[in-house]
């Protein structure tokens, strides 16, 4: 298993997290991870309506912002939500964002 580069917990910046979560596709990825837990990139990208390379761009943006962690096992890449790190850095933020993402417009 190989972890892809991501910021240390203490280096996660609120502005970068919010910027990453502002995109509807990335928000949908985060909602899926919060609901289903760790997933392969292929499974997380199913039904997003974007090309595989675009999905990869979104995974990278989330990882670089500190929202997800990516690891590679063989040919598969797995992503998971950094819920513990985010809750510790910004208490209540993720719950508020997830709650708001399910609210009617």
Protein backbone atom coordinates (compact mmCIF):
# COMPACT_ATOMS: atom_id res chain seq x y z
CA UNK A 1 0.00 0.00 0.00
CA UNK A 2 1.23 3.46 -0.90
CA UNK A 3 -0.29 6.68 0.43
CA UNK A 4 -0.45 9.54 -2.04
CA UNK A 5 0.79 12.94 -0.79
CA UNK A 6 -1.69 14.90 1.29
CA UNK A 7 -1.34 17.68 3.87
CA UNK A 8 -0.66 16.86 7.50
CA UNK A 9 -3.63 17.44 9.79
CA UNK A 10 -2.17 20.64 11.21
CA UNK A 11 -1.59 22.01 7.69
CA UNK A 12 -5.21 21.68 6.53
CA UNK A 13 -6.52 25.18 5.82
CA UNK A 14 -10.19 26.14 6.14
CA UNK A 15 -10.14 28.19 2.93
CA UNK A 16 -8.81 25.22 0.94
CA UNK A 17 -11.38 22.83 2.43
CA UNK A 18 -14.23 25.23 1.64
CA UNK A 19 -12.90 25.82 -1.88
CA UNK A 20 -12.79 22.07 -2.50
CA UNK A 21 -16.29 21.53 -1.10
CA UNK A 22 -17.76 24.41 -3.14
CA UNK A 23 -17.76 22.30 -6.31
CA UNK A 24 -20.96 20.21 -6.68
CA UNK A 25 -19.12 17.16 -8.04
CA UNK A 26 -16.61 17.18 -5.20
CA UNK A 27 -19.37 17.69 -2.68
CA UNK A 28 -21.17 14.64 -4.10
CA UNK A 29 -17.96 12.59 -3.73
CA UNK A 30 -17.69 13.67 -0.08
CA UNK A 31 -21.35 12.80 0.56
CA UNK A 32 -20.79 9.33 -0.91
CA UNK A 33 -17.68 8.78 1.20
CA UNK A 34 -19.46 9.97 4.34
CA UNK A 35 -22.31 7.57 3.63
CA UNK A 36 -20.49 4.52 2.25
CA UNK A 37 -16.97 4.79 3.66
CA UNK A 38 -13.78 3.97 1.80
CA UNK A 39 -14.23 3.32 -1.91
CA UNK A 40 -12.19 2.73 -5.01
CA UNK A 41 -11.91 5.75 -7.24
CA UNK A 42 -13.89 3.86 -9.89
CA UNK A 43 -16.79 3.17 -7.51
CA UNK A 44 -16.75 6.74 -6.15
CA UNK A 45 -16.86 8.11 -9.70
CA UNK A 46 -19.81 6.00 -10.83
CA UNK A 47 -22.88 8.07 -11.72
CA UNK A 48 -21.11 11.42 -11.29
CA UNK A 49 -21.65 12.27 -14.93
CA UNK A 50 -18.03 13.29 -15.53
CA UNK A 51 -15.22 11.74 -17.53
CA UNK A 52 -12.67 9.60 -15.67
CA UNK A 53 -9.93 12.23 -16.06
CA UNK A 54 -12.26 14.91 -14.65
CA UNK A 55 -13.07 12.68 -11.68
CA UNK A 56 -9.32 12.24 -11.10
CA UNK A 57 -8.94 16.02 -11.05
CA UNK A 58 -11.66 16.25 -8.39
CA UNK A 59 -10.03 13.51 -6.26
CA UNK A 60 -6.73 15.36 -6.43
CA UNK A 61 -8.34 18.68 -5.43
CA UNK A 62 -10.01 17.01 -2.44
CA UNK A 63 -6.79 15.25 -1.44
CA UNK A 64 -4.64 18.38 -1.72
CA UNK A 65 -7.18 20.32 0.37
CA UNK A 66 -6.98 17.65 3.08
CA UNK A 67 -10.57 16.44 2.70
CA UNK A 68 -9.75 12.89 1.59
CA UNK A 69 -6.82 10.52 1.81
CA UNK A 70 -5.84 8.39 -1.19
CA UNK A 71 -3.94 5.16 -1.10
CA UNK A 72 -2.87 2.83 -3.84
CA UNK A 73 -2.96 -0.95 -3.52
CA UNK A 74 -1.67 -2.59 -6.67
CA UNK A 75 -3.59 -1.10 -9.57
CA UNK A 76 -6.48 0.16 -7.45
CA UNK A 77 -6.70 3.54 -5.77
CA UNK A 78 -8.86 3.90 -2.68
CA UNK A 79 -10.17 7.13 -1.23
CA UNK A 80 -11.62 7.83 2.18
CA UNK A 81 -12.85 10.88 4.02
CA UNK A 82 -10.51 12.42 6.60
CA UNK A 83 -13.45 12.87 8.95
CA UNK A 84 -11.45 12.60 12.17
CA UNK A 85 -8.85 15.12 11.04
CA UNK A 86 -11.48 17.54 9.73
CA UNK A 87 -13.61 17.24 12.87
CA UNK A 88 -10.57 17.90 15.03
CA UNK A 89 -9.41 20.90 12.97
CA UNK A 90 -12.85 22.41 12.30
CA UNK A 91 -15.43 20.97 14.74
CA UNK A 92 -18.89 20.70 13.22
CA UNK A 93 -17.88 21.91 9.76
CA UNK A 94 -18.25 18.60 7.95
CA UNK A 95 -21.54 17.76 9.67
CA UNK A 96 -22.91 21.19 8.71
CA UNK A 97 -21.82 20.83 5.08
CA UNK A 98 -23.23 17.31 4.81
CA UNK A 99 -26.48 18.38 6.43
CA UNK A 100 -26.82 21.38 4.14
CA UNK A 101 -26.10 19.25 1.07
CA UNK A 102 -29.25 17.20 1.81
CA UNK A 103 -31.50 20.17 2.51
CA UNK A 104 -34.07 21.11 -0.14
CA UNK A 105 -33.11 24.14 -2.20
